[in-house]
Amino acid sequence: MAVHIKNKKASYTYFLTDDFTAGLVLSGSEIKSIRAGKASIGESYCRFDHGELWVFNMYVAEYANAGYMPQDTRRKRKLLLQRTELKKLEKKVKDVGVTLVPTLLFVAESGYAKLRFSVAKGKKLHDKRQSLKDKDQARDLSRLVD
């Protein structure tokens, strides 16, 4: 069973340019919750902290049989990337208005949880309206073709 947890608001709110995929440092009960599909990346964001990349505000529900230690559902989690990719991202994020937005959380065939995130720049209101118009036109065209 493939798990794909998407951030649907990301493409509406931001111009997404470059995609990167990173591994996550998780506890055992967190990966079990993600495999069950009980996670959300809707309000999460990525940020550098002391030269390391972290994802903040990602929700992972508590696993029912996790044991006696309670876990913080919105703790910061470390992202695993190559050093060259980290340096490239650090340069891009230094620009004004550029941020890193998670777009997809999935479990790879290897069994590890991966997070796909994009370099993003915020859209203005008129850009969002244009995105909605383009989406409506594409839907209307697909209805005419079918």
C-alpha atoms as a PDB file:
ATOM      1  CA  MET A   1       0.000   0.000   0.000  1.00  0.00           C
ATOM      2  CA  ALA A   2       1.549   3.285  -1.113  1.00  0.00           C
ATOM      3  CA  VAL A   3       1.227   6.298   1.165  1.00  0.00           C
ATOM      4  CA  HIS A   4       1.143   9.724  -0.510  1.00  0.00           C
ATOM      5  CA  ILE A   5       0.274  12.701   1.689  1.00  0.00           C
ATOM      6  CA  LYS A   6       0.054  15.862  -0.426  1.00  0.00           C
ATOM      7  CA  ASN A   7       0.093  19.578   0.293  1.00  0.00           C
ATOM      8  CA  LYS A   8      -2.573  20.738  -2.149  1.00  0.00           C
ATOM      9  CA  LYS A   9      -2.423  24.394  -1.108  1.00  0.00           C
ATOM     10  CA  ALA A  10       1.258  24.725  -2.015  1.00  0.00           C
ATOM     11  CA  SER A  11       0.807  25.121  -5.780  1.00  0.00           C
ATOM     12  CA  TYR A  12      -2.061  27.567  -5.221  1.00  0.00           C
ATOM     13  CA  THR A  13      -0.162  29.744  -2.750  1.00  0.00           C
ATOM     14  CA  TYR A  14       3.362  29.611  -4.211  1.00  0.00           C
ATOM     15  CA  PHE A  15       5.276  29.530  -7.490  1.00  0.00           C
ATOM     16  CA  LEU A  16       7.144  26.210  -7.147  1.00  0.00           C
ATOM     17  CA  THR A  17      10.466  25.951  -8.994  1.00  0.00           C
ATOM     18  CA  ASP A  18      12.984  23.277  -7.950  1.00  0.00           C
ATOM     19  CA  ASP A  19      12.010  19.954  -6.363  1.00  0.00           C
ATOM     20  CA  PHE A  20      14.150  18.064  -3.872  1.00  0.00           C
ATOM     21  CA  THR A  21      13.555  14.769  -2.089  1.00  0.00           C
ATOM     22  CA  ALA A  22      14.976  14.152   1.374  1.00  0.00           C
ATOM     23  CA  GLY A  23      14.835  11.434   3.977  1.00  0.00           C
ATOM     24  CA  LEU A  24      13.415  12.115   7.439  1.00  0.00           C
ATOM     25  CA  VAL A  25      14.760  11.290  10.887  1.00  0.00           C
ATOM     26  CA  LEU A  26      11.777   9.724  12.680  1.00  0.00           C
ATOM     27  CA  SER A  27      11.092   7.619  15.739  1.00  0.00           C
ATOM     28  CA  GLY A  28       9.611   4.128  15.381  1.00  0.00           C
ATOM     29  CA  SER A  29       6.083   5.126  16.303  1.00  0.00           C
ATOM     30  CA  GLU A  30       6.153   8.088  13.896  1.00  0.00           C
ATOM     31  CA  ILE A  31       6.945   5.940  10.853  1.00  0.00           C
ATOM     32  CA  LYS A  32       4.118   3.605  11.843  1.00  0.00           C
ATOM     33  CA  SER A  33       1.696   6.551  11.944  1.00  0.00           C
ATOM     34  CA  ILE A  34       2.899   7.768   8.538  1.00  0.00           C
ATOM     35  CA  ARG A  35       2.469   4.295   7.045  1.00  0.00           C
ATOM     36  CA  ALA A  36      -1.098   4.363   8.393  1.00  0.00           C
ATOM     37  CA  GLY A  37      -1.625   7.704   6.612  1.00  0.00           C
ATOM     38  CA  LYS A  38      -2.033   9.739   9.792  1.00  0.00           C
ATOM     39  CA  ALA A  39       0.115  12.742   8.981  1.00  0.00           C
ATOM     40  CA  SER A  40      -0.316  16.203   7.500  1.00  0.00           C
ATOM     41  CA  ILE A  41       2.081  18.646   5.814  1.00  0.00           C
ATOM     42  CA  GLY A  42      -0.494  21.374   5.118  1.00  0.00           C
ATOM     43  CA  GLU A  43       1.001  23.997   7.451  1.00  0.00           C
ATOM     44  CA  SER A  44       4.599  22.793   7.461  1.00  0.00           C
ATOM     45  CA  TYR A  45       7.700  24.557   6.196  1.00  0.00           C
ATOM     46  CA  CYS A  46      11.440  23.864   5.942  1.00  0.00           C
ATOM     47  CA  ARG A  47      14.161  26.035   7.420  1.00  0.00           C
ATOM     48  CA  PHE A  48      17.895  25.939   8.058  1.00  0.00           C
ATOM     49  CA  ASP A  49      19.089  25.758  11.664  1.00  0.00           C
ATOM     50  CA  HIS A  50      22.866  25.662  12.342  1.00  0.00           C
ATOM     51  CA  GLY A  51      23.649  24.433   8.825  1.00  0.00           C
ATOM     52  CA  GLU A  52      21.095  21.593   8.937  1.00  0.00           C
ATOM     53  CA  LEU A  53      17.719  21.493   7.212  1.00  0.00           C
ATOM     54  CA  TRP A  54      14.656  20.885   9.384  1.00  0.00           C
ATOM     55  CA  VAL A  55      10.941  20.575   8.707  1.00  0.00           C
ATOM     56  CA  PHE A  56       8.765  22.464  11.197  1.00  0.00           C
ATOM     57  CA  ASN A  57       5.090  22.076  12.104  1.00  0.00           C
ATOM     58  CA  MET A  58       4.623  18.744  10.288  1.00  0.00           C
ATOM     59  CA  TYR A  59       1.823  16.844  12.040  1.00  0.00           C
ATOM     60  CA  VAL A  60       2.295  13.136  12.736  1.00  0.00           C
ATOM     61  CA  ALA A  61      -0.474  11.602  14.855  1.00  0.00           C
ATOM     62  CA  GLU A  62       0.408   9.620  17.951  1.00  0.00           C
ATOM     63  CA  TYR A  63       0.536   5.902  17.284  1.00  0.00           C
ATOM     64  CA  ALA A  64      -2.019   4.008  19.377  1.00  0.00           C
ATOM     65  CA  ASN A  65       0.410   1.291  20.555  1.00  0.00           C
ATOM     66  CA  ALA A  66       3.454   3.551  20.941  1.00  0.00           C
ATOM     67  CA  GLY A  67       4.100   2.714  24.582  1.00  0.00           C
ATOM     68  CA  TYR A  68       4.372   4.867  27.649  1.00  0.00           C
ATOM     69  CA  MET A  69       6.433   7.749  26.199  1.00  0.00           C
ATOM     70  CA  PRO A  70       4.197  10.479  24.754  1.00  0.00           C
ATOM     71  CA  GLN A  71       5.464  12.078  21.558  1.00  0.00           C
ATOM     72  CA  ASP A  72       5.199  15.656  20.385  1.00  0.00           C
ATOM     73  CA  THR A  73       3.022  15.578  17.266  1.00  0.00           C
ATOM     74  CA  ARG A  74       4.445  18.804  15.796  1.00  0.00           C
ATOM     75  CA  ARG A  75       8.140  18.593  16.739  1.00  0.00           C
ATOM     76  CA  LYS A  76      10.832  19.655  14.283  1.00  0.00           C
ATOM     77  CA  ARG A  77      12.287  16.796  12.245  1.00  0.00           C
ATOM     78  CA  LYS A  78      15.665  16.688  10.542  1.00  0.00           C
ATOM     79  CA  LEU A  79      15.867  16.283   6.759  1.00  0.00           C
ATOM     80  CA  LEU A  80      18.654  14.167   5.259  1.00  0.00           C
ATOM     81  CA  LEU A  81      20.325  15.566   2.133  1.00  0.00           C
ATOM     82  CA  GLN A  82      23.771  15.553   0.528  1.00  0.00           C
ATOM     83  CA  ARG A  83      26.053  18.389   1.614  1.00  0.00           C
ATOM     84  CA  THR A  84      26.188  19.790  -1.945  1.00  0.00           C
ATOM     85  CA  GLU A  85      22.382  19.965  -2.096  1.00  0.00           C
ATOM     86  CA  LEU A  86      22.272  21.678   1.305  1.00  0.00           C
ATOM     87  CA  LYS A  87      24.721  24.363   0.170  1.00  0.00           C
ATOM     88  CA  LYS A  88      22.756  24.906  -3.053  1.00  0.00           C
ATOM     89  CA  LEU A  89      19.512  25.287  -1.091  1.00  0.00           C
ATOM     90  CA  GLU A  90      21.093  27.625   1.436  1.00  0.00           C
ATOM     91  CA  LYS A  91      22.112  29.987  -1.378  1.00  0.00           C
ATOM     92  CA  LYS A  92      18.612  29.957  -2.881  1.00  0.00           C
ATOM     93  CA  VAL A  93      16.861  30.610   0.435  1.00  0.00           C
ATOM     94  CA  LYS A  94      18.962  33.730   1.077  1.00  0.00           C
ATOM     95  CA  ASP A  95      16.983  35.549  -1.641  1.00  0.00           C
ATOM     96  CA  VAL A  96      14.127  37.710  -0.396  1.00  0.00           C
ATOM     97  CA  GLY A  97      10.709  36.032  -0.498  1.00  0.00           C
ATOM     98  CA  VAL A  98      12.020  32.520  -1.180  1.00  0.00           C
ATOM     99  CA  THR A  99      11.101  29.647   1.109  1.00  0.00           C
ATOM    100  CA  LEU A 100      11.067  25.840   1.132  1.00  0.00           C
ATOM    101  CA  VAL A 101       7.592  24.291   1.085  1.00  0.00           C
ATOM    102  CA  PRO A 102       6.882  20.552   1.532  1.00  0.00           C
ATOM    103  CA  THR A 103       4.691  19.224  -1.278  1.00  0.00           C
ATOM    104  CA  LEU A 104       4.580  15.442  -0.768  1.00  0.00           C
ATOM    105  CA  LEU A 105       5.239  12.996   2.069  1.00  0.00           C
ATOM    106  CA  PHE A 106       5.532   9.375   0.955  1.00  0.00           C
ATOM    107  CA  VAL A 107       6.953   6.002   1.920  1.00  0.00           C
ATOM    108  CA  ALA A 108       9.501   4.766  -0.629  1.00  0.00           C
ATOM    109  CA  GLU A 109       9.807   1.159  -1.788  1.00  0.00           C
ATOM    110  CA  SER A 110      12.717   0.778   0.625  1.00  0.00           C
ATOM    111  CA  GLY A 111      10.285   1.419   3.505  1.00  0.00           C
ATOM    112  CA  TYR A 112      11.743   4.783   4.504  1.00  0.00           C
ATOM    113  CA  ALA A 113       9.677   7.964   4.726  1.00  0.00           C
ATOM    114  CA  LYS A 114      10.670  10.658   2.233  1.00  0.00           C
ATOM    115  CA  LEU A 115       9.651  14.303   1.968  1.00  0.00           C
ATOM    116  CA  ARG A 116       9.526  16.099  -1.370  1.00  0.00           C
ATOM    117  CA  PHE A 117       9.785  19.864  -1.049  1.00  0.00           C
ATOM    118  CA  SER A 118      10.137  22.754  -3.467  1.00  0.00           C
ATOM    119  CA  VAL A 119      11.835  26.110  -3.599  1.00  0.00           C
ATOM    120  CA  ALA A 120       8.884  28.521  -3.547  1.00  0.00           C
ATOM    121  CA  LYS A 121       8.116  32.183  -3.982  1.00  0.00           C
ATOM    122  CA  GLY A 122       4.774  33.581  -2.788  1.00  0.00           C
ATOM    123  CA  LYS A 123       1.994  34.471  -5.219  1.00  0.00           C
ATOM    124  CA  LYS A 124       0.069  37.725  -5.152  1.00  0.00           C
ATOM    125  CA  LEU A 125      -3.747  37.766  -5.163  1.00  0.00           C
ATOM    126  CA  HIS A 126      -4.006  38.396  -8.918  1.00  0.00           C
ATOM    127  CA  ASP A 127      -1.664  35.438  -9.564  1.00  0.00           C
ATOM    128  CA  LYS A 128      -3.943  33.179  -7.515  1.00  0.00           C
ATOM    129  CA  ARG A 129      -6.973  34.357  -9.479  1.00  0.00           C
ATOM    130  CA  GLN A 130      -5.180  33.640 -12.755  1.00  0.00           C
ATOM    131  CA  SER A 131      -4.298  30.142 -11.498  1.00  0.00           C
ATOM    132  CA  LEU A 132      -7.974  29.474 -10.786  1.00  0.00           C
ATOM    133  CA  LYS A 133      -8.995  30.739 -14.252  1.00  0.00           C
ATOM    134  CA  ASP A 134      -6.404  28.510 -15.941  1.00  0.00           C
ATOM    135  CA  LYS A 135      -7.580  25.527 -13.908  1.00  0.00           C
ATOM    136  CA  ASP A 136     -11.231  26.155 -14.878  1.00  0.00           C
ATOM    137  CA  GLN A 137     -10.333  26.496 -18.556  1.00  0.00           C
ATOM    138  CA  ALA A 138      -8.346  23.255 -18.515  1.00  0.00           C
ATOM    139  CA  ARG A 139     -11.279  21.452 -16.880  1.00  0.00           C
ATOM    140  CA  ASP A 140     -13.728  22.841 -19.470  1.00  0.00           C
ATOM    141  CA  LEU A 141     -11.448  21.775 -22.331  1.00  0.00           C
ATOM    142  CA  SER A 142     -11.133  18.269 -20.938  1.00  0.00           C
ATOM    143  CA  ARG A 143     -14.929  18.017 -20.726  1.00  0.00           C
ATOM    144  CA  LEU A 144     -15.272  19.068 -24.370  1.00  0.00           C
ATOM    145  CA  VAL A 145     -12.703  16.487 -25.478  1.00  0.00           C
ATOM    146  CA  ASP A 146     -14.363  13.653 -23.558  1.00  0.00           C
END
